[in-house]
C-alpha atoms as a PDB file:
ATOM      1  CA  MET A   1       0.919  28.999  23.867  1.00  0.00           C
ATOM      2  CA  PRO A   2      -0.550  26.498  21.387  1.00  0.00           C
ATOM      3  CA  ASP A   3      -3.057  24.026  22.755  1.00  0.00           C
ATOM      4  CA  ILE A   4      -0.930  20.842  22.774  1.00  0.00           C
ATOM      5  CA  ARG A   5      -3.115  17.945  23.857  1.00  0.00           C
ATOM      6  CA  ALA A   6      -0.719  14.987  23.671  1.00  0.00           C
ATOM      7  CA  ASP A   7       2.230  14.109  25.864  1.00  0.00           C
ATOM      8  CA  PHE A   8       3.064  10.920  23.962  1.00  0.00           C
ATOM      9  CA  TRP A   9       4.548  11.256  20.499  1.00  0.00           C
ATOM     10  CA  MET A  10       5.620   9.018  17.643  1.00  0.00           C
ATOM     11  CA  ASN A  11       8.325  10.754  15.679  1.00  0.00           C
ATOM     12  CA  GLU A  12       8.704   9.340  12.178  1.00  0.00           C
ATOM     13  CA  TYR A  13      11.867  10.257  10.327  1.00  0.00           C
ATOM     14  CA  ILE A  14      10.924  11.285   6.792  1.00  0.00           C
ATOM     15  CA  THR A  15      14.440  12.326   5.727  1.00  0.00           C
ATOM     16  CA  PRO A  16      17.642  12.682   7.792  1.00  0.00           C
ATOM     17  CA  TRP A  17      16.510  16.252   8.508  1.00  0.00           C
ATOM     18  CA  ASP A  18      12.714  16.000   8.729  1.00  0.00           C
ATOM     19  CA  ILE A  19      10.415  14.427  11.308  1.00  0.00           C
ATOM     20  CA  TYR A  20       6.656  13.957  11.303  1.00  0.00           C
ATOM     21  CA  ALA A  21       5.430  13.856  14.920  1.00  0.00           C
ATOM     22  CA  HIS A  22       2.104  12.106  15.587  1.00  0.00           C
ATOM     23  CA  GLY A  23       0.386  12.902  18.864  1.00  0.00           C
ATOM     24  CA  ILE A  24      -0.806   9.680  20.520  1.00  0.00           C
ATOM     25  CA  THR A  25      -3.683   9.590  22.996  1.00  0.00           C
ATOM     26  CA  LYS A  26      -3.681   5.856  23.760  1.00  0.00           C
ATOM     27  CA  VAL A  27      -1.662   2.729  23.004  1.00  0.00           C
ATOM     28  CA  LEU A  28      -4.085  -0.087  22.176  1.00  0.00           C
ATOM     29  CA  ALA A  29      -1.505  -2.795  21.467  1.00  0.00           C
ATOM     30  CA  TYR A  30       2.263  -3.193  21.447  1.00  0.00           C
ATOM     31  CA  ARG A  31       4.318  -6.191  20.465  1.00  0.00           C
ATOM     32  CA  ARG A  32       7.793  -6.948  19.219  1.00  0.00           C
ATOM     33  CA  THR A  33       6.983  -9.804  16.863  1.00  0.00           C
ATOM     34  CA  ALA A  34       9.381 -12.224  15.208  1.00  0.00           C
ATOM     35  CA  PHE A  35       9.655  -9.768  12.305  1.00  0.00           C
ATOM     36  CA  GLN A  36       9.045  -6.205  13.468  1.00  0.00           C
ATOM     37  CA  GLU A  37       7.953  -3.835  16.197  1.00  0.00           C
ATOM     38  CA  MET A  38       4.201  -3.180  16.162  1.00  0.00           C
ATOM     39  CA  TYR A  39       2.078  -0.486  17.742  1.00  0.00           C
ATOM     40  CA  ILE A  40      -1.646   0.051  17.347  1.00  0.00           C
ATOM     41  CA  VAL A  41      -2.510   3.459  18.718  1.00  0.00           C
ATOM     42  CA  GLU A  42      -5.205   6.073  18.940  1.00  0.00           C
ATOM     43  CA  THR A  43      -4.291   9.553  17.712  1.00  0.00           C
ATOM     44  CA  GLY A  44      -5.803  12.892  18.475  1.00  0.00           C
ATOM     45  CA  ALA A  45      -6.560  13.868  14.879  1.00  0.00           C
ATOM     46  CA  TYR A  46      -6.716  10.769  12.671  1.00  0.00           C
ATOM     47  CA  GLY A  47      -8.240   7.961  14.718  1.00  0.00           C
ATOM     48  CA  LYS A  48      -6.616   4.574  15.184  1.00  0.00           C
ATOM     49  CA  ALA A  49      -3.342   3.688  13.463  1.00  0.00           C
ATOM     50  CA  LEU A  50      -1.038   0.765  12.774  1.00  0.00           C
ATOM     51  CA  VAL A  51       2.686   1.497  13.116  1.00  0.00           C
ATOM     52  CA  LEU A  52       5.386  -1.028  12.110  1.00  0.00           C
ATOM     53  CA  ASP A  53       9.080  -0.483  12.832  1.00  0.00           C
ATOM     54  CA  GLY A  54       8.319   3.147  13.547  1.00  0.00           C
ATOM     55  CA  LYS A  55       6.709   3.682  10.128  1.00  0.00           C
ATOM     56  CA  TRP A  56       3.094   4.813   9.882  1.00  0.00           C
ATOM     57  CA  GLN A  57       1.153   2.167   7.930  1.00  0.00           C
ATOM     58  CA  SER A  58      -2.397   3.468   7.876  1.00  0.00           C
ATOM     59  CA  CYS A  59      -4.994   5.010  10.122  1.00  0.00           C
ATOM     60  CA  THR A  60      -8.751   5.090  10.219  1.00  0.00           C
ATOM     61  CA  GLY A  61      -8.937   8.836   9.546  1.00  0.00           C
ATOM     62  CA  ASP A  62      -7.388   8.826   6.072  1.00  0.00           C
ATOM     63  CA  GLU A  63      -6.705   5.217   5.042  1.00  0.00           C
ATOM     64  CA  PHE A  64      -9.287   5.526   2.241  1.00  0.00           C
ATOM     65  CA  LEU A  65      -6.892   7.917   0.506  1.00  0.00           C
ATOM     66  CA  TYR A  66      -4.459   4.989   0.249  1.00  0.00           C
ATOM     67  CA  HIS A  67      -6.542   1.818  -0.010  1.00  0.00           C
ATOM     68  CA  GLU A  68      -9.089   2.941  -2.588  1.00  0.00           C
ATOM     69  CA  PRO A  69      -6.393   4.121  -5.045  1.00  0.00           C
ATOM     70  CA  LEU A  70      -4.345   0.996  -4.344  1.00  0.00           C
ATOM     71  CA  VAL A  71      -7.146  -1.408  -5.249  1.00  0.00           C
ATOM     72  CA  HIS A  72      -9.614   0.023  -7.732  1.00  0.00           C
ATOM     73  CA  PRO A  73      -7.316   1.088 -10.599  1.00  0.00           C
ATOM     74  CA  VAL A  74      -5.848  -2.406 -10.954  1.00  0.00           C
ATOM     75  CA  MET A  75      -9.297  -3.977 -10.742  1.00  0.00           C
ATOM     76  CA  LEU A  76     -10.513  -1.610 -13.450  1.00  0.00           C
ATOM     77  CA  GLN A  77      -7.484  -2.426 -15.590  1.00  0.00           C
ATOM     78  CA  HIS A  78      -8.486  -6.085 -15.603  1.00  0.00           C
ATOM     79  CA  GLY A  79     -12.176  -5.336 -15.924  1.00  0.00           C
ATOM     80  CA  ALA A  80     -13.718  -8.417 -14.311  1.00  0.00           C
ATOM     81  CA  PRO A  81     -11.228  -9.986 -11.878  1.00  0.00           C
ATOM     82  CA  GLN A  82     -12.233 -13.220 -10.227  1.00  0.00           C
ATOM     83  CA  LYS A  83      -9.034 -14.364  -8.479  1.00  0.00           C
ATOM     84  CA  VAL A  84      -7.031 -11.775  -6.541  1.00  0.00           C
ATOM     85  CA  LEU A  85      -3.780 -12.227  -4.621  1.00  0.00           C
ATOM     86  CA  ILE A  86      -2.901  -9.641  -1.945  1.00  0.00           C
ATOM     87  CA  LEU A  87       0.675  -9.617  -0.659  1.00  0.00           C
ATOM     88  CA  GLY A  88       0.796  -7.745   2.646  1.00  0.00           C
ATOM     89  CA  GLY A  89      -2.206  -5.802   3.845  1.00  0.00           C
ATOM     90  CA  GLY A  90      -2.385  -6.955   7.451  1.00  0.00           C
ATOM     91  CA  GLU A  91      -5.041  -4.408   8.445  1.00  0.00           C
ATOM     92  CA  GLY A  92      -7.550  -6.040   6.109  1.00  0.00           C
ATOM     93  CA  ALA A  93      -8.458  -2.762   4.397  1.00  0.00           C
ATOM     94  CA  THR A  94      -7.014  -3.861   1.046  1.00  0.00           C
ATOM     95  CA  ALA A  95      -9.043  -7.073   1.180  1.00  0.00           C
ATOM     96  CA  ARG A  96     -12.097  -5.017   2.145  1.00  0.00           C
ATOM     97  CA  GLU A  97     -11.835  -2.994  -1.063  1.00  0.00           C
ATOM     98  CA  VAL A  98     -11.127  -6.055  -3.231  1.00  0.00           C
ATOM     99  CA  LEU A  99     -14.187  -7.835  -1.873  1.00  0.00           C
ATOM    100  CA  ARG A 100     -16.411  -4.937  -2.895  1.00  0.00           C
ATOM    101  CA  TRP A 101     -16.056  -6.223  -6.465  1.00  0.00           C
ATOM    102  CA  LYS A 102     -18.979  -8.429  -7.479  1.00  0.00           C
ATOM    103  CA  THR A 103     -16.835 -10.412  -9.916  1.00  0.00           C
ATOM    104  CA  VAL A 104     -14.396 -11.635  -7.245  1.00  0.00           C
ATOM    105  CA  THR A 105     -14.786 -15.295  -6.340  1.00  0.00           C
ATOM    106  CA  ARG A 106     -11.515 -15.908  -4.474  1.00  0.00           C
ATOM    107  CA  THR A 107      -9.039 -13.675  -2.665  1.00  0.00           C
ATOM    108  CA  VAL A 108      -5.891 -14.826  -0.904  1.00  0.00           C
ATOM    109  CA  MET A 109      -4.173 -12.399   1.471  1.00  0.00           C
ATOM    110  CA  VAL A 110      -0.573 -13.271   2.364  1.00  0.00           C
ATOM    111  CA  ASP A 111       1.102 -11.606   5.325  1.00  0.00           C
ATOM    112  CA  ILE A 112       4.351 -12.702   6.936  1.00  0.00           C
ATOM    113  CA  ASP A 113       3.337 -11.608  10.431  1.00  0.00           C
ATOM    114  CA  GLY A 114       0.396 -13.407  12.000  1.00  0.00           C
ATOM    115  CA  ASP A 115       0.723 -11.385  15.199  1.00  0.00           C
ATOM    116  CA  VAL A 116       0.051  -8.186  13.267  1.00  0.00           C
ATOM    117  CA  VAL A 117      -2.942  -9.675  11.455  1.00  0.00           C
ATOM    118  CA  GLU A 118      -4.512 -10.920  14.697  1.00  0.00           C
ATOM    119  CA  SER A 119      -3.956  -7.580  16.415  1.00  0.00           C
ATOM    120  CA  CYS A 120      -5.562  -5.750  13.499  1.00  0.00           C
ATOM    121  CA  LYS A 121      -8.548  -8.088  13.602  1.00  0.00           C
ATOM    122  CA  GLN A 122      -9.018  -7.227  17.258  1.00  0.00           C
ATOM    123  CA  HIS A 123      -8.267  -3.515  17.327  1.00  0.00           C
ATOM    124  CA  LEU A 124      -9.007  -2.166  13.820  1.00  0.00           C
ATOM    125  CA  PRO A 125     -12.538  -3.278  12.872  1.00  0.00           C
ATOM    126  CA  GLU A 126     -13.064   0.149  11.293  1.00  0.00           C
ATOM    127  CA  MET A 127     -10.507  -0.840   8.666  1.00  0.00           C
ATOM    128  CA  HIS A 128     -11.279  -4.459   7.910  1.00  0.00           C
ATOM    129  CA  GLN A 129     -15.055  -4.065   8.376  1.00  0.00           C
ATOM    130  CA  GLN A 130     -15.371  -7.809   9.066  1.00  0.00           C
ATOM    131  CA  CYS A 131     -13.966  -8.753   5.653  1.00  0.00           C
ATOM    132  CA  PHE A 132     -12.072 -11.598   7.358  1.00  0.00           C
ATOM    133  CA  ASP A 133     -15.452 -13.334   7.716  1.00  0.00           C
ATOM    134  CA  ASP A 134     -16.105 -13.256   3.966  1.00  0.00           C
ATOM    135  CA  PRO A 135     -15.935 -16.839   2.626  1.00  0.00           C
ATOM    136  CA  ARG A 136     -14.169 -15.586  -0.505  1.00  0.00           C
ATOM    137  CA  LEU A 137     -11.126 -14.541   1.576  1.00  0.00           C
ATOM    138  CA  GLU A 138      -8.323 -16.882   2.635  1.00  0.00           C
ATOM    139  CA  VAL A 139      -5.550 -15.570   4.900  1.00  0.00           C
ATOM    140  CA  VAL A 140      -2.123 -17.199   4.587  1.00  0.00           C
ATOM    141  CA  ILE A 141       0.612 -16.401   7.106  1.00  0.00           C
ATOM    142  CA  ASP A 142       3.827 -16.857   5.154  1.00  0.00           C
ATOM    143  CA  ASP A 143       6.558 -15.084   3.240  1.00  0.00           C
ATOM    144  CA  ALA A 144       5.245 -13.727  -0.066  1.00  0.00           C
ATOM    145  CA  LEU A 145       8.190 -15.274  -1.920  1.00  0.00           C
ATOM    146  CA  ASN A 146       7.356 -18.722  -0.577  1.00  0.00           C
ATOM    147  CA  VAL A 147       3.756 -18.390  -1.708  1.00  0.00           C
ATOM    148  CA  LEU A 148       4.750 -17.180  -5.167  1.00  0.00           C
ATOM    149  CA  ASP A 149       7.219 -20.045  -5.557  1.00  0.00           C
ATOM    150  CA  ARG A 150       4.619 -22.714  -4.867  1.00  0.00           C
ATOM    151  CA  THR A 151       1.393 -21.197  -6.175  1.00  0.00           C
ATOM    152  CA  GLU A 152      -0.281 -23.158  -8.935  1.00  0.00           C
ATOM    153  CA  ASP A 153      -2.954 -20.523  -9.448  1.00  0.00           C
ATOM    154  CA  ALA A 154      -2.972 -17.960 -12.210  1.00  0.00           C
ATOM    155  CA  TRP A 155      -4.180 -14.673 -10.733  1.00  0.00           C
ATOM    156  CA  ASP A 156      -6.241 -12.030 -12.475  1.00  0.00           C
ATOM    157  CA  VAL A 157      -4.923  -9.304 -10.155  1.00  0.00           C
ATOM    158  CA  ILE A 158      -1.965  -9.181  -7.772  1.00  0.00           C
ATOM    159  CA  ILE A 159      -1.744  -6.351  -5.240  1.00  0.00           C
ATOM    160  CA  SER A 160       1.650  -5.798  -3.613  1.00  0.00           C
ATOM    161  CA  ASP A 161       0.746  -3.931  -0.427  1.00  0.00           C
ATOM    162  CA  LEU A 162       3.984  -4.393   1.491  1.00  0.00           C
ATOM    163  CA  SER A 163       5.516  -2.258   4.216  1.00  0.00           C
ATOM    164  CA  ASP A 164       8.295   0.065   3.105  1.00  0.00           C
ATOM    165  CA  PRO A 165      11.642  -1.622   2.402  1.00  0.00           C
ATOM    166  CA  ILE A 166      13.629  -0.413   5.392  1.00  0.00           C
ATOM    167  CA  GLU A 167      16.732  -2.543   5.848  1.00  0.00           C
ATOM    168  CA  GLU A 168      15.705  -3.885   9.250  1.00  0.00           C
ATOM    169  CA  GLY A 169      12.193  -4.790   8.104  1.00  0.00           C
ATOM    170  CA  PRO A 170      10.901  -7.987   6.489  1.00  0.00           C
ATOM    171  CA  SER A 171      10.006  -6.670   3.030  1.00  0.00           C
ATOM    172  CA  PHE A 172      12.977  -4.982   1.334  1.00  0.00           C
ATOM    173  CA  LYS A 173      13.690  -8.043  -0.850  1.00  0.00           C
ATOM    174  CA  LEU A 174      10.170  -7.735  -2.253  1.00  0.00           C
ATOM    175  CA  PHE A 175      10.907  -4.533  -4.149  1.00  0.00           C
ATOM    176  CA  THR A 176      13.294  -6.065  -6.670  1.00  0.00           C
ATOM    177  CA  ARG A 177      13.298  -7.210 -10.283  1.00  0.00           C
ATOM    178  CA  GLU A 178      13.391 -10.861  -9.227  1.00  0.00           C
ATOM    179  CA  TYR A 179      10.263 -10.434  -7.115  1.00  0.00           C
ATOM    180  CA  PHE A 180       8.422  -8.535  -9.839  1.00  0.00           C
ATOM    181  CA  GLU A 181       9.259 -11.270 -12.336  1.00  0.00           C
ATOM    182  CA  LYS A 182       7.665 -13.790  -9.965  1.00  0.00           C
ATOM    183  CA  LEU A 183       4.531 -11.629  -9.855  1.00  0.00           C
ATOM    184  CA  LYS A 184       4.412 -11.535 -13.639  1.00  0.00           C
ATOM    185  CA  GLY A 185       4.806 -15.304 -13.831  1.00  0.00           C
ATOM    186  CA  ALA A 186       1.849 -15.806 -11.494  1.00  0.00           C
ATOM    187  CA  LEU A 187      -0.587 -13.762 -13.587  1.00  0.00           C
ATOM    188  CA  ALA A 188      -3.325 -15.165 -15.778  1.00  0.00           C
ATOM    189  CA  PRO A 189      -3.566 -13.846 -19.362  1.00  0.00           C
ATOM    190  CA  GLY A 190      -4.870 -10.293 -19.210  1.00  0.00           C
ATOM    191  CA  GLY A 191      -3.797  -9.995 -15.579  1.00  0.00           C
ATOM    192  CA  ALA A 192      -2.560  -6.852 -13.863  1.00  0.00           C
ATOM    193  CA  VAL A 193      -0.335  -5.934 -10.916  1.00  0.00           C
ATOM    194  CA  VAL A 194      -0.181  -2.893  -8.668  1.00  0.00           C
ATOM    195  CA  VAL A 195       2.703  -2.067  -6.322  1.00  0.00           C
ATOM    196  CA  GLN A 196       2.649   0.504  -3.545  1.00  0.00           C
ATOM    197  CA  SER A 197       5.834   2.371  -4.295  1.00  0.00           C
ATOM    198  CA  GLY A 198       6.599   4.999  -1.732  1.00  0.00           C
ATOM    199  CA  PRO A 199       6.529   8.776  -1.311  1.00  0.00           C
ATOM    200  CA  VAL A 200       7.123  11.170  -4.189  1.00  0.00           C
ATOM    201  CA  GLY A 201       7.965  14.399  -2.430  1.00  0.00           C
ATOM    202  CA  PRO A 202      11.013  15.939  -4.155  1.00  0.00           C
ATOM    203  CA  ALA A 203      13.399  14.997  -1.329  1.00  0.00           C
ATOM    204  CA  GLU A 204      12.325  11.356  -1.141  1.00  0.00           C
ATOM    205  CA  MET A 205      11.139  10.228  -4.573  1.00  0.00           C
ATOM    206  CA  LYS A 206      14.192   8.147  -5.529  1.00  0.00           C
ATOM    207  CA  LEU A 207      12.587   4.898  -4.338  1.00  0.00           C
ATOM    208  CA  HIS A 208       9.545   5.406  -6.525  1.00  0.00           C
ATOM    209  CA  VAL A 209      11.507   6.525  -9.570  1.00  0.00           C
ATOM    210  CA  ARG A 210      13.686   3.409  -9.520  1.00  0.00           C
ATOM    211  CA  LEU A 211      10.765   1.107  -8.750  1.00  0.00           C
ATOM    212  CA  ALA A 212       8.841   2.552 -11.691  1.00  0.00           C
ATOM    213  CA  HIS A 213      11.829   1.947 -13.968  1.00  0.00           C
ATOM    214  CA  THR A 214      12.351  -1.570 -12.596  1.00  0.00           C
ATOM    215  CA  LEU A 215       8.704  -2.455 -13.138  1.00  0.00           C
ATOM    216  CA  ASP A 216       8.728  -1.048 -16.645  1.00  0.00           C
ATOM    217  CA  CYS A 217      11.742  -3.229 -17.445  1.00  0.00           C
ATOM    218  CA  VAL A 218       9.773  -6.279 -16.304  1.00  0.00           C
ATOM    219  CA  TYR A 219       6.340  -5.495 -17.749  1.00  0.00           C
ATOM    220  CA  GLY A 220       6.866  -2.981 -20.519  1.00  0.00           C
ATOM    221  CA  ASN A 221       3.648  -1.247 -19.437  1.00  0.00           C
ATOM    222  CA  ALA A 222       4.073   0.477 -16.084  1.00  0.00           C
ATOM    223  CA  ARG A 223       2.084   3.573 -15.172  1.00  0.00           C
ATOM    224  CA  SER A 224       2.701   5.646 -12.036  1.00  0.00           C
ATOM    225  CA  TYR A 225      -0.017   7.523 -10.191  1.00  0.00           C
ATOM    226  CA  THR A 226      -0.292   9.236  -6.819  1.00  0.00           C
ATOM    227  CA  SER A 227      -2.621  10.057  -3.951  1.00  0.00           C
ATOM    228  CA  TYR A 228      -1.938  12.511  -1.151  1.00  0.00           C
ATOM    229  CA  VAL A 229      -2.203  10.869   2.276  1.00  0.00           C
ATOM    230  CA  PRO A 230      -1.866  13.460   5.077  1.00  0.00           C
ATOM    231  CA  THR A 231      -0.513  11.092   7.740  1.00  0.00           C
ATOM    232  CA  TYR A 232       2.311  10.040   5.385  1.00  0.00           C
ATOM    233  CA  ALA A 233       3.371  13.699   5.083  1.00  0.00           C
ATOM    234  CA  SER A 234       3.815  13.245   1.345  1.00  0.00           C
ATOM    235  CA  PRO A 235       2.054  12.362  -1.881  1.00  0.00           C
ATOM    236  CA  TRP A 236       2.106   8.566  -2.081  1.00  0.00           C
ATOM    237  CA  SER A 237       2.701   6.579  -5.223  1.00  0.00           C
ATOM    238  CA  PHE A 238       1.606   3.382  -6.906  1.00  0.00           C
ATOM    239  CA  VAL A 239       2.668   1.640 -10.102  1.00  0.00           C
ATOM    240  CA  LEU A 240       0.086  -0.179 -12.220  1.00  0.00           C
ATOM    241  CA  CYS A 241       1.454  -2.850 -14.586  1.00  0.00           C
ATOM    242  CA  ALA A 242      -0.224  -4.989 -17.218  1.00  0.00           C
ATOM    243  CA  ASP A 243       0.347  -6.889 -20.443  1.00  0.00           C
ATOM    244  CA  THR A 244      -1.438  -4.131 -22.343  1.00  0.00           C
ATOM    245  CA  PRO A 245      -0.897  -0.361 -22.086  1.00  0.00           C
ATOM    246  CA  VAL A 246      -2.401   1.396 -19.088  1.00  0.00           C
ATOM    247  CA  GLU A 247      -4.504   4.330 -20.233  1.00  0.00           C
ATOM    248  CA  ALA A 248      -3.077   7.661 -19.032  1.00  0.00           C
ATOM    249  CA  ARG A 249      -6.289   9.623 -19.638  1.00  0.00           C
ATOM    250  CA  PRO A 250      -9.239   7.345 -18.890  1.00  0.00           C
ATOM    251  CA  ASP A 251     -12.700   8.741 -19.533  1.00  0.00           C
ATOM    252  CA  PRO A 252     -14.173   9.627 -16.126  1.00  0.00           C
ATOM    253  CA  GLU A 253     -17.724   8.771 -17.129  1.00  0.00           C
ATOM    254  CA  ALA A 254     -16.661   5.348 -18.427  1.00  0.00           C
ATOM    255  CA  VAL A 255     -14.802   4.667 -15.163  1.00  0.00           C
ATOM    256  CA  ASP A 256     -17.820   5.694 -13.126  1.00  0.00           C
ATOM    257  CA  ALA A 257     -20.040   3.381 -15.167  1.00  0.00           C
ATOM    258  CA  LYS A 258     -17.691   0.419 -14.591  1.00  0.00           C
ATOM    259  CA  LEU A 259     -17.578   1.114 -10.864  1.00  0.00           C
ATOM    260  CA  ALA A 260     -21.365   1.385 -10.671  1.00  0.00           C
ATOM    261  CA  ASP A 261     -21.779  -1.967 -12.443  1.00  0.00           C
ATOM    262  CA  ASN A 262     -19.102  -3.876 -10.530  1.00  0.00           C
ATOM    263  CA  VAL A 263     -18.600  -2.429  -7.025  1.00  0.00           C
ATOM    264  CA  ASN A 264     -20.825  -2.851  -4.001  1.00  0.00           C
ATOM    265  CA  GLY A 265     -21.233   0.126  -1.717  1.00  0.00           C
ATOM    266  CA  SER A 266     -20.138   3.728  -2.042  1.00  0.00           C
ATOM    267  CA  LEU A 267     -16.478   4.707  -2.393  1.00  0.00           C
ATOM    268  CA  THR A 268     -15.244   7.697  -0.425  1.00  0.00           C
ATOM    269  CA  MET A 269     -12.634   9.329  -2.655  1.00  0.00           C
ATOM    270  CA  PHE A 270     -12.193   7.250  -5.795  1.00  0.00           C
ATOM    271  CA  ASP A 271     -14.154   7.850  -8.973  1.00  0.00           C
ATOM    272  CA  GLY A 272     -13.419   8.533 -12.610  1.00  0.00           C
ATOM    273  CA  GLN A 273     -12.502  12.166 -12.147  1.00  0.00           C
ATOM    274  CA  ALA A 274     -10.229  11.436  -9.188  1.00  0.00           C
ATOM    275  CA  PHE A 275      -8.471   8.642 -11.102  1.00  0.00           C
ATOM    276  CA  LEU A 276      -7.847  10.897 -14.079  1.00  0.00           C
ATOM    277  CA  GLY A 277      -6.204  13.423 -11.766  1.00  0.00           C
ATOM    278  CA  MET A 278      -4.048  10.806 -10.015  1.00  0.00           C
ATOM    279  CA  LEU A 279      -2.507   9.761 -13.318  1.00  0.00           C
ATOM    280  CA  GLN A 280      -1.370  13.274 -14.284  1.00  0.00           C
ATOM    281  CA  LEU A 281       2.085  13.368 -12.722  1.00  0.00           C
ATOM    282  CA  PRO A 282       3.984  16.649 -12.421  1.00  0.00           C
ATOM    283  CA  LYS A 283       6.713  17.352 -14.944  1.00  0.00           C
ATOM    284  CA  HIS A 284       9.679  16.862 -12.597  1.00  0.00           C
ATOM    285  CA  LEU A 285       8.492  13.393 -11.575  1.00  0.00           C
ATOM    286  CA  ARG A 286       7.728  12.293 -15.143  1.00  0.00           C
ATOM    287  CA  GLN A 287      11.157  13.479 -16.195  1.00  0.00           C
ATOM    288  CA  ALA A 288      12.923  11.672 -13.335  1.00  0.00           C
ATOM    289  CA  ILE A 289      11.192   8.395 -14.224  1.00  0.00           C
ATOM    290  CA  ALA A 290      12.047   8.785 -17.910  1.00  0.00           C
ATOM    291  CA  GLU A 291      15.725   9.420 -17.120  1.00  0.00           C
ATOM    292  CA  GLU A 292      16.209   6.644 -14.527  1.00  0.00           C
ATOM    293  CA  THR A 293      18.520   3.779 -15.499  1.00  0.00           C
ATOM    294  CA  GLN A 294      19.067   1.772 -12.287  1.00  0.00           C
ATOM    295  CA  VAL A 295      17.128  -1.440 -11.661  1.00  0.00           C
ATOM    296  CA  TYR A 296      16.570  -2.776  -8.145  1.00  0.00           C
ATOM    297  CA  THR A 297      17.773  -6.387  -7.795  1.00  0.00           C
ATOM    298  CA  LEU A 298      18.360  -8.820  -4.951  1.00  0.00           C
ATOM    299  CA  ARG A 299      22.031  -7.942  -5.233  1.00  0.00           C
ATOM    300  CA  GLU A 300      21.226  -4.227  -4.995  1.00  0.00           C
ATOM    301  CA  PRO A 301      17.801  -3.892  -3.345  1.00  0.00           C
ATOM    302  CA  PRO A 302      16.248  -0.626  -2.224  1.00  0.00           C
ATOM    303  CA  LYS A 303      16.951   0.601   1.283  1.00  0.00           C
ATOM    304  CA  PHE A 304      14.237   3.015   2.308  1.00  0.00           C
ATOM    305  CA  PHE A 305      15.202   5.730   4.781  1.00  0.00           C
ATOM    306  CA  GLY A 306      13.275   6.047   7.960  1.00  0.00           C
ATOM    307  CA  LYS A 307      12.258   4.562  11.220  1.00  0.00           C
ATOM    308  CA  GLY A 308      10.516   6.134  14.117  1.00  0.00           C
ATOM    309  CA  VAL A 309      10.870   6.645  17.809  1.00  0.00           C
ATOM    310  CA  VAL A 310       8.388   6.930  20.620  1.00  0.00           C
ATOM    311  CA  LYS A 311       8.899   9.841  22.961  1.00  0.00           C
ATOM    312  CA  GLN A 312       6.963  10.738  26.061  1.00  0.00           C
ATOM    313  CA  THR A 313       7.145  14.289  27.294  1.00  0.00           C
ATOM    314  CA  ALA A 314       6.084  15.705  30.615  1.00  0.00           C
ATOM    315  CA  PRO A 315       2.404  16.684  30.616  1.00  0.00           C
ATOM    316  CA  THR A 316       1.738  20.386  30.327  1.00  0.00           C
ATOM    317  CA  GLN A 317       0.484  22.012  33.474  1.00  0.00           C
END
């Protein structure tokens, strides 16, 4: 018999036929907010985790494999960002990475769900590392669309770190051409945008492929890259967009020099060599992006498959 040490499981549906089961050792917080169902849990293998609407958001054991690739490529693309807008990112880990940059003078983090943000402040200090106390950070509890409609700032970098666009969740409208055009309109000259854009396993890469095409239609310079995150059960993707072409084969030594000059502290997984590897997509994914013709719009937004369920089994004797 295998040594099964959990009797409380979160089963996340990856496809209609595949489930990733996370063994939970303790529930730290649960709340059905005005927007979604939230759990903060401890796991046996990967530390603490945030789960929204049954979808794994991030956990302390491997979140660096998501947050470092999300933040640092777009910051490097700009070169010396001062004003950064984060849309989503309730755990505070995205803001943590942004605030490592010495050039940053102002960061605004927008999240629709204040209950989630407050719970993450309380239960996930390993992720935010007290970045909420940094005077350069302002937290706004609001819909990202509302903020974009009324912002008078021109942002050097915009990071779209939104939960996956499941139909029941609060964010599916924010993966559309109309939303991406608002992001573009809020950029300062020379600005850059990055969008977390879903899994790219062969059975579930349609969301990313169409997002990449949609973003390329808006910006003209959209570059996909990936990072494998074990608790997502798939390689995860991002799309980097800018007014100028995004280099597909950056020089690792030049990237390392820029990071050394501009970033406080030591990064865990991201450096020039890692970034070069992330940008080299496999042939089948490159081909799918090149052949895609559909654009996501408010009329036809993406609907991401997957929710999760919590199941408690009888303890083993």
